[in-house]
N, C-alpha and C. Protein backbone atom coordinates (compact mmCIF):
# COMPACT_ATOMS: atom_id res chain seq x y z
N MET A 1 -11.66 2.49 45.52
CA MET A 1 -10.91 2.90 44.42
C MET A 1 -11.82 2.73 43.13
N PHE A 2 -11.66 3.72 42.28
CA PHE A 2 -12.52 3.71 41.13
C PHE A 2 -11.83 3.14 39.89
N TYR A 3 -12.50 2.22 39.22
CA TYR A 3 -12.01 1.62 37.99
C TYR A 3 -12.85 1.95 36.81
N PHE A 4 -12.21 2.47 35.83
CA PHE A 4 -12.89 2.88 34.60
C PHE A 4 -13.27 1.65 33.75
N ASP A 5 -14.49 1.48 33.43
CA ASP A 5 -14.90 0.38 32.69
C ASP A 5 -14.94 0.75 31.20
N ASP A 6 -13.97 0.29 30.44
CA ASP A 6 -13.89 0.70 29.03
C ASP A 6 -14.36 -0.42 28.10
N GLU A 7 -15.11 -1.32 28.66
CA GLU A 7 -15.67 -2.41 27.83
C GLU A 7 -16.47 -1.96 26.66
N PHE A 8 -17.20 -0.85 26.83
CA PHE A 8 -18.06 -0.34 25.72
C PHE A 8 -17.20 0.06 24.53
N LEU A 9 -15.95 0.41 24.72
CA LEU A 9 -15.05 0.76 23.63
C LEU A 9 -14.76 -0.43 22.71
N PHE A 10 -14.73 -1.59 23.32
CA PHE A 10 -14.40 -2.78 22.52
C PHE A 10 -15.60 -3.58 22.16
N ASP A 11 -16.80 -3.15 22.49
CA ASP A 11 -17.98 -3.93 22.15
C ASP A 11 -19.03 -3.00 21.51
N GLN A 12 -18.64 -2.43 20.37
CA GLN A 12 -19.48 -1.49 19.66
C GLN A 12 -20.17 -2.14 18.43
N GLY A 13 -19.81 -3.38 18.19
CA GLY A 13 -20.45 -4.06 17.00
C GLY A 13 -19.82 -3.56 15.67
N PRO A 14 -20.42 -4.06 14.61
CA PRO A 14 -19.81 -3.66 13.34
C PRO A 14 -20.04 -2.24 12.97
N THR A 15 -19.17 -1.67 12.20
CA THR A 15 -19.25 -0.28 11.77
C THR A 15 -20.39 -0.18 10.69
N ARG A 16 -21.03 0.90 10.67
CA ARG A 16 -22.09 1.12 9.74
C ARG A 16 -21.90 2.45 8.98
N LYS A 17 -22.13 2.42 7.75
CA LYS A 17 -22.04 3.67 6.89
C LYS A 17 -20.63 4.28 6.92
N LEU A 18 -19.65 3.42 7.17
CA LEU A 18 -18.25 3.86 7.19
C LEU A 18 -17.90 4.42 5.85
N GLY A 19 -18.35 3.81 4.78
CA GLY A 19 -18.05 4.31 3.45
C GLY A 19 -18.63 5.62 3.09
N GLU A 20 -19.55 6.13 3.94
CA GLU A 20 -20.21 7.47 3.58
C GLU A 20 -19.47 8.64 4.15
N ILE A 21 -18.39 8.38 5.01
CA ILE A 21 -17.59 9.49 5.56
C ILE A 21 -16.84 10.16 4.49
N GLN A 22 -16.94 11.53 4.44
CA GLN A 22 -16.18 12.24 3.44
C GLN A 22 -15.21 13.17 4.15
N PHE A 23 -14.03 13.23 3.61
CA PHE A 23 -12.98 14.11 4.15
C PHE A 23 -12.71 15.24 3.14
N HIS A 24 -12.40 16.39 3.68
CA HIS A 24 -12.00 17.55 2.83
C HIS A 24 -10.63 17.25 2.21
N ASP A 25 -10.33 17.99 1.13
CA ASP A 25 -9.06 17.85 0.47
C ASP A 25 -7.98 18.51 1.34
N TYR A 26 -7.16 17.74 1.88
CA TYR A 26 -6.06 18.25 2.78
C TYR A 26 -5.09 19.08 2.06
N ASN A 27 -4.92 18.92 0.74
CA ASN A 27 -3.92 19.68 -0.08
C ASN A 27 -4.18 21.12 0.05
N LYS A 28 -5.41 21.54 0.16
CA LYS A 28 -5.75 22.97 0.22
C LYS A 28 -5.05 23.62 1.42
N ALA A 29 -5.05 22.98 2.53
CA ALA A 29 -4.42 23.49 3.70
C ALA A 29 -2.89 23.35 3.63
N PHE A 30 -2.38 22.21 3.09
CA PHE A 30 -0.93 21.98 3.05
C PHE A 30 -0.25 22.93 2.05
N GLU A 31 -0.91 23.35 1.04
CA GLU A 31 -0.38 24.29 0.07
C GLU A 31 -0.07 25.68 0.66
N LEU A 32 -0.72 26.00 1.80
CA LEU A 32 -0.57 27.32 2.39
C LEU A 32 0.85 27.46 3.11
N TYR A 33 1.46 26.35 3.33
CA TYR A 33 2.69 26.42 4.17
C TYR A 33 3.82 25.67 3.50
N ASN A 34 5.04 26.16 3.72
CA ASN A 34 6.23 25.57 3.21
C ASN A 34 7.14 25.31 4.43
N LEU A 35 6.84 24.23 5.11
CA LEU A 35 7.61 23.84 6.34
C LEU A 35 8.23 22.54 6.17
N PRO A 36 9.53 22.36 6.72
CA PRO A 36 10.21 21.14 6.57
C PRO A 36 9.43 19.83 6.97
N ASN A 37 8.82 19.95 8.11
CA ASN A 37 8.08 18.78 8.59
C ASN A 37 6.83 18.49 7.72
N LEU A 38 6.27 19.50 7.21
CA LEU A 38 5.12 19.33 6.41
C LEU A 38 5.55 18.69 4.99
N THR A 39 6.68 19.09 4.53
CA THR A 39 7.26 18.56 3.36
C THR A 39 7.53 17.06 3.48
N ILE A 40 8.09 16.67 4.61
CA ILE A 40 8.31 15.27 4.90
C ILE A 40 6.92 14.51 4.96
N PHE A 41 5.97 15.15 5.65
CA PHE A 41 4.70 14.48 5.80
C PHE A 41 4.02 14.26 4.41
N LYS A 42 4.13 15.24 3.53
CA LYS A 42 3.55 15.11 2.21
C LYS A 42 4.24 14.03 1.41
N GLU A 43 5.52 13.83 1.60
CA GLU A 43 6.25 12.69 0.97
C GLU A 43 5.77 11.39 1.48
N GLN A 44 5.54 11.37 2.80
CA GLN A 44 5.05 10.16 3.41
C GLN A 44 3.63 9.82 2.87
N ILE A 45 2.76 10.83 2.66
CA ILE A 45 1.46 10.58 2.09
C ILE A 45 1.54 10.02 0.71
N ASN A 46 2.44 10.61 -0.10
CA ASN A 46 2.62 10.06 -1.41
C ASN A 46 3.12 8.62 -1.47
N THR A 47 4.07 8.28 -0.54
CA THR A 47 4.57 6.93 -0.40
C THR A 47 3.41 5.98 0.01
N PHE A 48 2.60 6.45 0.91
CA PHE A 48 1.43 5.58 1.33
C PHE A 48 0.46 5.38 0.23
N LYS A 49 0.21 6.38 -0.58
CA LYS A 49 -0.67 6.21 -1.75
C LYS A 49 -0.07 5.27 -2.71
N GLU A 50 1.18 5.34 -3.01
CA GLU A 50 1.87 4.45 -3.95
C GLU A 50 1.75 3.05 -3.39
N SER A 51 1.90 2.81 -2.05
CA SER A 51 1.88 1.46 -1.49
C SER A 51 0.46 0.87 -1.58
N LEU A 52 -0.57 1.74 -1.59
CA LEU A 52 -1.99 1.23 -1.77
C LEU A 52 -2.20 0.83 -3.15
N ILE A 53 -1.56 1.49 -4.12
CA ILE A 53 -1.77 1.09 -5.47
C ILE A 53 -0.95 -0.20 -5.77
N MET A 54 0.25 -0.29 -5.29
CA MET A 54 1.11 -1.41 -5.54
C MET A 54 0.60 -2.71 -4.81
N ALA A 55 0.01 -2.56 -3.62
CA ALA A 55 -0.44 -3.69 -2.85
C ALA A 55 -1.79 -3.37 -2.26
N PRO A 56 -2.92 -3.30 -3.02
CA PRO A 56 -4.16 -2.99 -2.55
C PRO A 56 -4.70 -4.12 -1.56
N ALA A 57 -5.65 -3.74 -0.76
CA ALA A 57 -6.28 -4.64 0.17
C ALA A 57 -7.05 -5.74 -0.64
N SER A 58 -7.02 -6.92 -0.13
CA SER A 58 -7.74 -8.03 -0.80
C SER A 58 -9.24 -7.86 -0.51
N LYS A 59 -10.02 -8.66 -1.20
CA LYS A 59 -11.48 -8.59 -1.03
C LYS A 59 -11.82 -8.99 0.42
N GLU A 60 -11.07 -10.07 0.84
CA GLU A 60 -11.33 -10.42 2.25
C GLU A 60 -11.00 -9.32 3.28
N GLN A 61 -9.93 -8.61 3.04
CA GLN A 61 -9.55 -7.53 3.98
C GLN A 61 -10.55 -6.41 3.86
N MET A 62 -11.05 -6.18 2.70
CA MET A 62 -12.06 -5.11 2.51
C MET A 62 -13.32 -5.34 3.33
N LYS A 63 -13.56 -6.64 3.54
CA LYS A 63 -14.84 -6.97 4.31
C LYS A 63 -14.63 -6.67 5.78
N ASP A 64 -13.39 -6.62 6.25
CA ASP A 64 -13.06 -6.43 7.62
C ASP A 64 -12.18 -5.20 7.80
N ILE A 65 -12.81 -4.02 8.00
CA ILE A 65 -11.97 -2.79 8.07
C ILE A 65 -10.96 -2.80 9.21
N GLU A 66 -11.27 -3.61 10.26
CA GLU A 66 -10.34 -3.67 11.41
C GLU A 66 -9.03 -4.31 10.98
N ALA A 67 -9.03 -5.15 9.97
CA ALA A 67 -7.79 -5.78 9.53
C ALA A 67 -6.87 -4.83 8.85
N LEU A 68 -7.28 -3.71 8.40
CA LEU A 68 -6.54 -2.72 7.71
C LEU A 68 -5.84 -1.73 8.62
N GLN A 69 -6.05 -1.84 9.90
CA GLN A 69 -5.45 -0.91 10.91
C GLN A 69 -4.00 -1.34 11.20
């Protein structure tokens, strides 16, 4: 019987250059469509942004990106 060894997934060490990742502006794509599910998703995004402003991560949490998941 074959067992998949996924230990490498959990032993990758600290993240490096995570802050250098850049994402494109998702609004450009979302503005192209007027769909009910997309409208709800955009509302959820706004709620998430508001929660980050109201309760930002502490300095200790910012040191450990895994804690923010």
